[in-house]
C-alpha cells in the first residue's frame, strides 16, 4: 500500500512500529492517536507468519508492504508432527464477562485482540464514569463482571477514583490496573485504590492472560468489601 502523504524521515523508520510512538511530537499534537495502529497491524501480520515493512521519502509518501504466509493444510508430511497452536488454553476465560475501561480506541482494540479466541465476553467503557454505570447496570440486573481491566489515567473520572468507588459499592470483582506509568510507588497507588493487580503499558499478552487466569481461579479468596 502506498500513499502520497508527508512521509516519514529515515531516522524514524525503526521506531514507528513501537507501541505509543509517533514520528514527532508536533505530529502527535496535530494528528492525535495513541501510536498503536502500526503496532497492532504488525503483530497481526506476524501472528499469521508474515510481517510489515515500510519505505518512505519525506514529502513524497510511504509504501507499506504486507506479507502473509498462506495457511497450510491440516495434513502433514510423513514423519512430521502437526504444528501446535501458539495460544494459551482458552478454557479459564471461556464465558467470562470482562469489562475493559480505556479512553483510547487503539488500546481498546489491542486489548480486544489479546482476548480474541479465549471465549471471553468483552464489554467496553470509555472512562471511569461509564465504568461505574456499567457495573451498576449489571449488578442491578443480578449479574456481575468476572474481571475489570481499568486504565488509571482517563478524562471525566480517572481509574483510581472509579476503582475506589466500585469497592465502596461492595463489588468484589477482580480489577487489574492498566497504566502507562512505571514509576516507583505507582503499583502501590493502584493497589491502595482497590485494584487486585497491576500491569504497565505496552501490555504483554502472555503476562496479562496469566494474571487474568490467576485471578479467576475458583480457589481465589474473595476480597472483603470495604
C-alpha atoms as a PDB file:
ATOM      1  CA  UNK A   1       0.000   0.000   0.000  1.00  0.00           C
ATOM      2  CA  UNK A   2       1.362   3.401  -0.989  1.00  0.00           C
ATOM      3  CA  UNK A   3       0.328   6.934  -0.170  1.00  0.00           C
ATOM      4  CA  UNK A   4       1.371  10.438  -1.172  1.00  0.00           C
ATOM      5  CA  UNK A   5       1.357  11.899   2.327  1.00  0.00           C
ATOM      6  CA  UNK A   6       4.019  13.723   4.303  1.00  0.00           C
ATOM      7  CA  UNK A   7       6.254  10.662   4.531  1.00  0.00           C
ATOM      8  CA  UNK A   8       8.475   9.598   7.418  1.00  0.00           C
ATOM      9  CA  UNK A   9      12.087  10.598   7.992  1.00  0.00           C
ATOM     10  CA  UNK A  10      14.588   7.750   7.727  1.00  0.00           C
ATOM     11  CA  UNK A  11      15.665   8.319  11.328  1.00  0.00           C
ATOM     12  CA  UNK A  12      12.129   7.405  12.478  1.00  0.00           C
ATOM     13  CA  UNK A  13      11.536   4.276  10.376  1.00  0.00           C
ATOM     14  CA  UNK A  14      12.912   1.932  13.045  1.00  0.00           C
ATOM     15  CA  UNK A  15      10.614   3.325  15.749  1.00  0.00           C
ATOM     16  CA  UNK A  16       7.213   3.892  14.108  1.00  0.00           C
ATOM     17  CA  UNK A  17       6.194   0.282  14.804  1.00  0.00           C
ATOM     18  CA  UNK A  18       6.985   0.658  18.514  1.00  0.00           C
ATOM     19  CA  UNK A  19       3.970   0.955  20.846  1.00  0.00           C
ATOM     20  CA  UNK A  20       2.939   4.517  21.775  1.00  0.00           C
ATOM     21  CA  UNK A  21       5.414   6.011  19.284  1.00  0.00           C
ATOM     22  CA  UNK A  22       4.767   8.514  16.526  1.00  0.00           C
ATOM     23  CA  UNK A  23       7.185  10.240  14.219  1.00  0.00           C
ATOM     24  CA  UNK A  24       7.467  13.591  16.010  1.00  0.00           C
ATOM     25  CA  UNK A  25       5.843  15.356  18.921  1.00  0.00           C
ATOM     26  CA  UNK A  26       4.329  18.021  16.669  1.00  0.00           C
ATOM     27  CA  UNK A  27       2.746  15.291  14.533  1.00  0.00           C
ATOM     28  CA  UNK A  28       1.289  13.729  17.674  1.00  0.00           C
ATOM     29  CA  UNK A  29      -0.322  17.007  18.603  1.00  0.00           C
ATOM     30  CA  UNK A  30      -1.593  17.613  15.068  1.00  0.00           C
ATOM     31  CA  UNK A  31      -2.879  14.164  14.200  1.00  0.00           C
ATOM     32  CA  UNK A  32      -3.538  12.598  17.627  1.00  0.00           C
ATOM     33  CA  UNK A  33      -3.805   8.873  18.268  1.00  0.00           C
ATOM     34  CA  UNK A  34      -2.024   6.636  20.747  1.00  0.00           C
ATOM     35  CA  UNK A  35       0.542   5.325  18.265  1.00  0.00           C
ATOM     36  CA  UNK A  36      -0.701   1.726  18.374  1.00  0.00           C
ATOM     37  CA  UNK A  37      -2.160   1.264  14.886  1.00  0.00           C
ATOM     38  CA  UNK A  38       1.039   0.118  13.194  1.00  0.00           C
ATOM     39  CA  UNK A  39       1.993  -1.984  16.232  1.00  0.00           C
ATOM     40  CA  UNK A  40      -1.308  -3.868  16.105  1.00  0.00           C
ATOM     41  CA  UNK A  41      -1.083  -4.327  12.324  1.00  0.00           C
ATOM     42  CA  UNK A  42       2.454  -5.711  12.547  1.00  0.00           C
ATOM     43  CA  UNK A  43       1.547  -8.037  15.439  1.00  0.00           C
ATOM     44  CA  UNK A  44      -1.394  -9.412  13.448  1.00  0.00           C
ATOM     45  CA  UNK A  45       0.809  -9.920  10.385  1.00  0.00           C
ATOM     46  CA  UNK A  46       3.482 -11.720  12.403  1.00  0.00           C
ATOM     47  CA  UNK A  47       0.831 -13.852  14.093  1.00  0.00           C
ATOM     48  CA  UNK A  48      -0.048 -15.046  10.587  1.00  0.00           C
ATOM     49  CA  UNK A  49       3.595 -15.822   9.839  1.00  0.00           C
ATOM     50  CA  UNK A  50       4.249 -12.659   7.856  1.00  0.00           C
ATOM     51  CA  UNK A  51       5.412  -9.111   8.505  1.00  0.00           C
ATOM     52  CA  UNK A  52       5.003  -5.446   7.554  1.00  0.00           C
ATOM     53  CA  UNK A  53       7.870  -3.352   6.167  1.00  0.00           C
ATOM     54  CA  UNK A  54       7.990   0.304   5.141  1.00  0.00           C
ATOM     55  CA  UNK A  55       9.842   2.513   2.675  1.00  0.00           C
ATOM     56  CA  UNK A  56       9.344   6.271   2.869  1.00  0.00           C
ATOM     57  CA  UNK A  57      10.528   9.547   1.382  1.00  0.00           C
ATOM     58  CA  UNK A  58       9.754  12.720   3.340  1.00  0.00           C
ATOM     59  CA  UNK A  59       7.417  14.952   1.366  1.00  0.00           C
ATOM     60  CA  UNK A  60       6.628  12.226  -1.168  1.00  0.00           C
ATOM     61  CA  UNK A  61       4.861   9.474   0.755  1.00  0.00           C
ATOM     62  CA  UNK A  62       5.313   5.976   2.120  1.00  0.00           C
ATOM     63  CA  UNK A  63       4.936   2.406   0.916  1.00  0.00           C
ATOM     64  CA  UNK A  64       3.938  -0.322   3.390  1.00  0.00           C
ATOM     65  CA  UNK A  65       4.365  -3.925   2.290  1.00  0.00           C
ATOM     66  CA  UNK A  66       2.349  -6.671   3.980  1.00  0.00           C
ATOM     67  CA  UNK A  67       3.378 -10.320   3.644  1.00  0.00           C
ATOM     68  CA  UNK A  68       1.380 -13.257   4.985  1.00  0.00           C
ATOM     69  CA  UNK A  69       2.344 -16.922   4.859  1.00  0.00           C
ATOM     70  CA  UNK A  70      -0.502 -18.965   3.286  1.00  0.00           C
ATOM     71  CA  UNK A  71      -2.262 -21.322   5.690  1.00  0.00           C
ATOM     72  CA  UNK A  72      -1.004 -24.903   5.443  1.00  0.00           C
ATOM     73  CA  UNK A  73      -3.248 -27.912   5.035  1.00  0.00           C
ATOM     74  CA  UNK A  74      -4.104 -29.825   8.194  1.00  0.00           C
ATOM     75  CA  UNK A  75      -2.478 -32.832   6.544  1.00  0.00           C
ATOM     76  CA  UNK A  76       1.181 -33.253   7.420  1.00  0.00           C
ATOM     77  CA  UNK A  77       4.032 -34.806   5.546  1.00  0.00           C
ATOM     78  CA  UNK A  78       5.257 -38.268   6.588  1.00  0.00           C
ATOM     79  CA  UNK A  79       7.355 -38.009   9.731  1.00  0.00           C
ATOM     80  CA  UNK A  80       6.027 -34.534  10.542  1.00  0.00           C
ATOM     81  CA  UNK A  81       4.127 -33.750  13.712  1.00  0.00           C
ATOM     82  CA  UNK A  82       1.125 -31.442  13.492  1.00  0.00           C
ATOM     83  CA  UNK A  83       2.011 -27.882  14.480  1.00  0.00           C
ATOM     84  CA  UNK A  84       0.908 -26.917  17.952  1.00  0.00           C
ATOM     85  CA  UNK A  85      -1.097 -23.735  18.281  1.00  0.00           C
ATOM     86  CA  UNK A  86       0.875 -20.955  19.942  1.00  0.00           C
ATOM     87  CA  UNK A  87      -2.070 -19.838  22.057  1.00  0.00           C
ATOM     88  CA  UNK A  88      -2.891 -20.364  25.713  1.00  0.00           C
ATOM     89  CA  UNK A  89      -5.594 -22.734  26.847  1.00  0.00           C
ATOM     90  CA  UNK A  90      -8.783 -20.687  26.332  1.00  0.00           C
ATOM     91  CA  UNK A  91     -10.859 -22.520  28.948  1.00  0.00           C
ATOM     92  CA  UNK A  92     -10.002 -20.357  32.003  1.00  0.00           C
ATOM     93  CA  UNK A  93     -11.581 -17.326  30.318  1.00  0.00           C
ATOM     94  CA  UNK A  94     -14.360 -19.025  28.386  1.00  0.00           C
ATOM     95  CA  UNK A  95     -17.746 -17.366  29.001  1.00  0.00           C
ATOM     96  CA  UNK A  96     -16.182 -14.956  31.491  1.00  0.00           C
ATOM     97  CA  UNK A  97     -17.519 -11.406  31.213  1.00  0.00           C
ATOM     98  CA  UNK A  98     -14.750  -8.802  31.156  1.00  0.00           C
ATOM     99  CA  UNK A  99     -15.136  -5.013  31.306  1.00  0.00           C
ATOM    100  CA  UNK A 100     -12.352  -3.091  29.546  1.00  0.00           C
ATOM    101  CA  UNK A 101     -12.162   0.557  30.645  1.00  0.00           C
ATOM    102  CA  UNK A 102      -9.927   2.777  28.491  1.00  0.00           C
ATOM    103  CA  UNK A 103     -10.446   6.150  26.815  1.00  0.00           C
ATOM    104  CA  UNK A 104      -8.096   5.388  23.878  1.00  0.00           C
ATOM    105  CA  UNK A 105      -9.613   3.457  20.970  1.00  0.00           C
ATOM    106  CA  UNK A 106      -6.230   1.961  19.983  1.00  0.00           C
ATOM    107  CA  UNK A 107      -5.837   0.498  23.467  1.00  0.00           C
ATOM    108  CA  UNK A 108      -9.338  -0.985  23.395  1.00  0.00           C
ATOM    109  CA  UNK A 109      -8.658  -2.583  20.005  1.00  0.00           C
ATOM    110  CA  UNK A 110      -5.372  -4.036  21.248  1.00  0.00           C
ATOM    111  CA  UNK A 111      -6.939  -5.464  24.406  1.00  0.00           C
ATOM    112  CA  UNK A 112      -9.836  -6.915  22.404  1.00  0.00           C
ATOM    113  CA  UNK A 113      -7.282  -8.603  20.153  1.00  0.00           C
ATOM    114  CA  UNK A 114      -5.473 -10.031  23.185  1.00  0.00           C
ATOM    115  CA  UNK A 115      -8.677 -11.718  24.368  1.00  0.00           C
ATOM    116  CA  UNK A 116      -9.578 -12.998  20.912  1.00  0.00           C
ATOM    117  CA  UNK A 117     -10.097 -16.777  20.872  1.00  0.00           C
ATOM    118  CA  UNK A 118     -10.265 -17.008  24.682  1.00  0.00           C
ATOM    119  CA  UNK A 119     -14.052 -17.334  24.689  1.00  0.00           C
ATOM    120  CA  UNK A 120     -14.425 -14.306  26.992  1.00  0.00           C
ATOM    121  CA  UNK A 121     -17.310 -11.844  26.587  1.00  0.00           C
ATOM    122  CA  UNK A 122     -15.991  -8.275  26.323  1.00  0.00           C
ATOM    123  CA  UNK A 123     -17.743  -5.041  27.330  1.00  0.00           C
ATOM    124  CA  UNK A 124     -16.225  -1.566  26.988  1.00  0.00           C
ATOM    125  CA  UNK A 125     -16.336   1.711  28.894  1.00  0.00           C
ATOM    126  CA  UNK A 126     -14.588   4.881  27.719  1.00  0.00           C
ATOM    127  CA  UNK A 127     -13.911   6.429  31.133  1.00  0.00           C
ATOM    128  CA  UNK A 128     -14.376   5.813  34.844  1.00  0.00           C
ATOM    129  CA  UNK A 129     -17.880   7.267  34.898  1.00  0.00           C
ATOM    130  CA  UNK A 130     -19.048   4.871  32.180  1.00  0.00           C
ATOM    131  CA  UNK A 131     -17.384   2.025  34.072  1.00  0.00           C
ATOM    132  CA  UNK A 132     -19.345   2.828  37.231  1.00  0.00           C
ATOM    133  CA  UNK A 133     -22.586   2.917  35.265  1.00  0.00           C
ATOM    134  CA  UNK A 134     -21.779  -0.411  33.590  1.00  0.00           C
ATOM    135  CA  UNK A 135     -21.090  -2.018  36.967  1.00  0.00           C
ATOM    136  CA  UNK A 136     -24.291  -0.599  38.475  1.00  0.00           C
ATOM    137  CA  UNK A 137     -26.351  -1.773  35.495  1.00  0.00           C
ATOM    138  CA  UNK A 138     -25.074  -5.344  35.525  1.00  0.00           C
ATOM    139  CA  UNK A 139     -25.280  -5.652  39.316  1.00  0.00           C
ATOM    140  CA  UNK A 140     -28.844  -4.284  39.401  1.00  0.00           C
ATOM    141  CA  UNK A 141     -29.813  -6.924  36.853  1.00  0.00           C
ATOM    142  CA  UNK A 142     -28.489  -9.709  39.049  1.00  0.00           C
ATOM    143  CA  UNK A 143     -25.321 -10.267  37.027  1.00  0.00           C
ATOM    144  CA  UNK A 144     -21.684  -9.357  37.509  1.00  0.00           C
ATOM    145  CA  UNK A 145     -18.428  -8.828  35.673  1.00  0.00           C
ATOM    146  CA  UNK A 146     -15.862 -11.558  36.257  1.00  0.00           C
ATOM    147  CA  UNK A 147     -12.956  -9.182  35.660  1.00  0.00           C
ATOM    148  CA  UNK A 148     -12.342  -5.457  35.103  1.00  0.00           C
ATOM    149  CA  UNK A 149      -9.331  -4.003  33.264  1.00  0.00           C
ATOM    150  CA  UNK A 150      -9.062  -0.398  34.423  1.00  0.00           C
ATOM    151  CA  UNK A 151      -6.958   2.282  32.741  1.00  0.00           C
ATOM    152  CA  UNK A 152      -5.846   4.623  35.502  1.00  0.00           C
ATOM    153  CA  UNK A 153      -5.345   7.874  33.538  1.00  0.00           C
ATOM    154  CA  UNK A 154      -8.668   8.874  31.921  1.00  0.00           C
ATOM    155  CA  UNK A 155     -10.789  12.007  31.452  1.00  0.00           C
ATOM    156  CA  UNK A 156     -14.118  12.590  33.212  1.00  0.00           C
ATOM    157  CA  UNK A 157     -13.284  10.139  36.037  1.00  0.00           C
ATOM    158  CA  UNK A 158      -9.875   8.516  36.495  1.00  0.00           C
ATOM    159  CA  UNK A 159      -9.295   4.858  37.227  1.00  0.00           C
ATOM    160  CA  UNK A 160      -8.192   5.388  40.822  1.00  0.00           C
ATOM    161  CA  UNK A 161     -11.447   7.110  41.769  1.00  0.00           C
ATOM    162  CA  UNK A 162     -13.560   4.666  39.753  1.00  0.00           C
ATOM    163  CA  UNK A 163     -11.899   1.670  41.413  1.00  0.00           C
ATOM    164  CA  UNK A 164     -12.295   3.108  44.912  1.00  0.00           C
ATOM    165  CA  UNK A 165     -15.972   3.810  44.213  1.00  0.00           C
ATOM    166  CA  UNK A 166     -16.552   0.272  42.927  1.00  0.00           C
ATOM    167  CA  UNK A 167     -15.098  -1.079  46.167  1.00  0.00           C
ATOM    168  CA  UNK A 168     -17.296   1.275  48.201  1.00  0.00           C
ATOM    169  CA  UNK A 169     -20.267  -0.239  46.358  1.00  0.00           C
ATOM    170  CA  UNK A 170     -19.281  -3.616  47.824  1.00  0.00           C
ATOM    171  CA  UNK A 171     -18.341  -5.100  44.437  1.00  0.00           C
ATOM    172  CA  UNK A 172     -15.581  -7.712  44.760  1.00  0.00           C
ATOM    173  CA  UNK A 173     -14.827  -8.215  41.048  1.00  0.00           C
ATOM    174  CA  UNK A 174     -11.058  -8.518  40.462  1.00  0.00           C
ATOM    175  CA  UNK A 175      -9.671  -5.300  38.959  1.00  0.00           C
ATOM    176  CA  UNK A 176      -6.403  -5.104  37.021  1.00  0.00           C
ATOM    177  CA  UNK A 177      -4.847  -1.643  36.788  1.00  0.00           C
ATOM    178  CA  UNK A 178      -3.523  -0.645  33.361  1.00  0.00           C
ATOM    179  CA  UNK A 179      -1.151   2.296  33.348  1.00  0.00           C
ATOM    180  CA  UNK A 180       1.489   3.809  31.090  1.00  0.00           C
ATOM    181  CA  UNK A 181       3.390   4.817  34.225  1.00  0.00           C
ATOM    182  CA  UNK A 182       6.069   2.546  35.619  1.00  0.00           C
ATOM    183  CA  UNK A 183       7.308   4.715  38.451  1.00  0.00           C
ATOM    184  CA  UNK A 184       8.270   3.636  41.944  1.00  0.00           C
ATOM    185  CA  UNK A 185       5.167   3.589  44.102  1.00  0.00           C
ATOM    186  CA  UNK A 186       2.710   3.504  41.193  1.00  0.00           C
ATOM    187  CA  UNK A 187       1.863  -0.160  41.796  1.00  0.00           C
ATOM    188  CA  UNK A 188       1.178   0.570  45.463  1.00  0.00           C
ATOM    189  CA  UNK A 189      -1.017   3.523  44.499  1.00  0.00           C
ATOM    190  CA  UNK A 190      -3.135   1.248  42.290  1.00  0.00           C
ATOM    191  CA  UNK A 191      -3.423  -1.474  44.930  1.00  0.00           C
ATOM    192  CA  UNK A 192      -4.334   1.068  47.597  1.00  0.00           C
ATOM    193  CA  UNK A 193      -7.157   2.332  45.377  1.00  0.00           C
ATOM    194  CA  UNK A 194      -8.586  -1.185  45.378  1.00  0.00           C
ATOM    195  CA  UNK A 195      -7.018  -2.918  42.388  1.00  0.00           C
ATOM    196  CA  UNK A 196      -6.002  -6.570  42.722  1.00  0.00           C
ATOM    197  CA  UNK A 197      -3.139  -6.458  40.212  1.00  0.00           C
ATOM    198  CA  UNK A 198      -1.151  -4.014  38.120  1.00  0.00           C
ATOM    199  CA  UNK A 199       0.357  -4.182  34.640  1.00  0.00           C
ATOM    200  CA  UNK A 200       2.133  -1.390  32.761  1.00  0.00           C
ATOM    201  CA  UNK A 201       1.675  -0.464  29.109  1.00  0.00           C
ATOM    202  CA  UNK A 202       2.529  -1.557  26.490  1.00  0.00           C
ATOM    203  CA  UNK A 203       0.693  -4.666  27.687  1.00  0.00           C
ATOM    204  CA  UNK A 204       2.421  -8.008  27.321  1.00  0.00           C
ATOM    205  CA  UNK A 205      -0.184 -10.519  26.107  1.00  0.00           C
ATOM    206  CA  UNK A 206       1.198 -13.569  27.911  1.00  0.00           C
ATOM    207  CA  UNK A 207       1.651 -11.652  31.168  1.00  0.00           C
ATOM    208  CA  UNK A 208      -1.865 -10.208  31.052  1.00  0.00           C
ATOM    209  CA  UNK A 209      -3.532 -13.555  30.332  1.00  0.00           C
ATOM    210  CA  UNK A 210      -1.512 -15.182  33.107  1.00  0.00           C
ATOM    211  CA  UNK A 211      -2.722 -12.538  35.589  1.00  0.00           C
ATOM    212  CA  UNK A 212      -6.333 -12.940  34.407  1.00  0.00           C
ATOM    213  CA  UNK A 213      -6.237 -16.717  34.746  1.00  0.00           C
ATOM    214  CA  UNK A 214      -4.675 -16.487  38.200  1.00  0.00           C
ATOM    215  CA  UNK A 215      -7.261 -14.008  39.488  1.00  0.00           C
ATOM    216  CA  UNK A 216     -10.113 -16.130  38.162  1.00  0.00           C
ATOM    217  CA  UNK A 217      -9.045 -19.374  39.819  1.00  0.00           C
ATOM    218  CA  UNK A 218     -12.008 -20.819  41.783  1.00  0.00           C
ATOM    219  CA  UNK A 219      -9.963 -21.144  44.940  1.00  0.00           C
ATOM    220  CA  UNK A 220      -9.057 -17.448  44.928  1.00  0.00           C
ATOM    221  CA  UNK A 221     -10.261 -15.868  48.194  1.00  0.00           C
ATOM    222  CA  UNK A 222     -12.863 -13.148  47.804  1.00  0.00           C
ATOM    223  CA  UNK A 223     -11.757  -9.580  48.527  1.00  0.00           C
ATOM    224  CA  UNK A 224     -13.505  -8.207  51.585  1.00  0.00           C
ATOM    225  CA  UNK A 225     -15.744  -5.255  50.831  1.00  0.00           C
ATOM    226  CA  UNK A 226     -14.671  -2.002  52.450  1.00  0.00           C
END
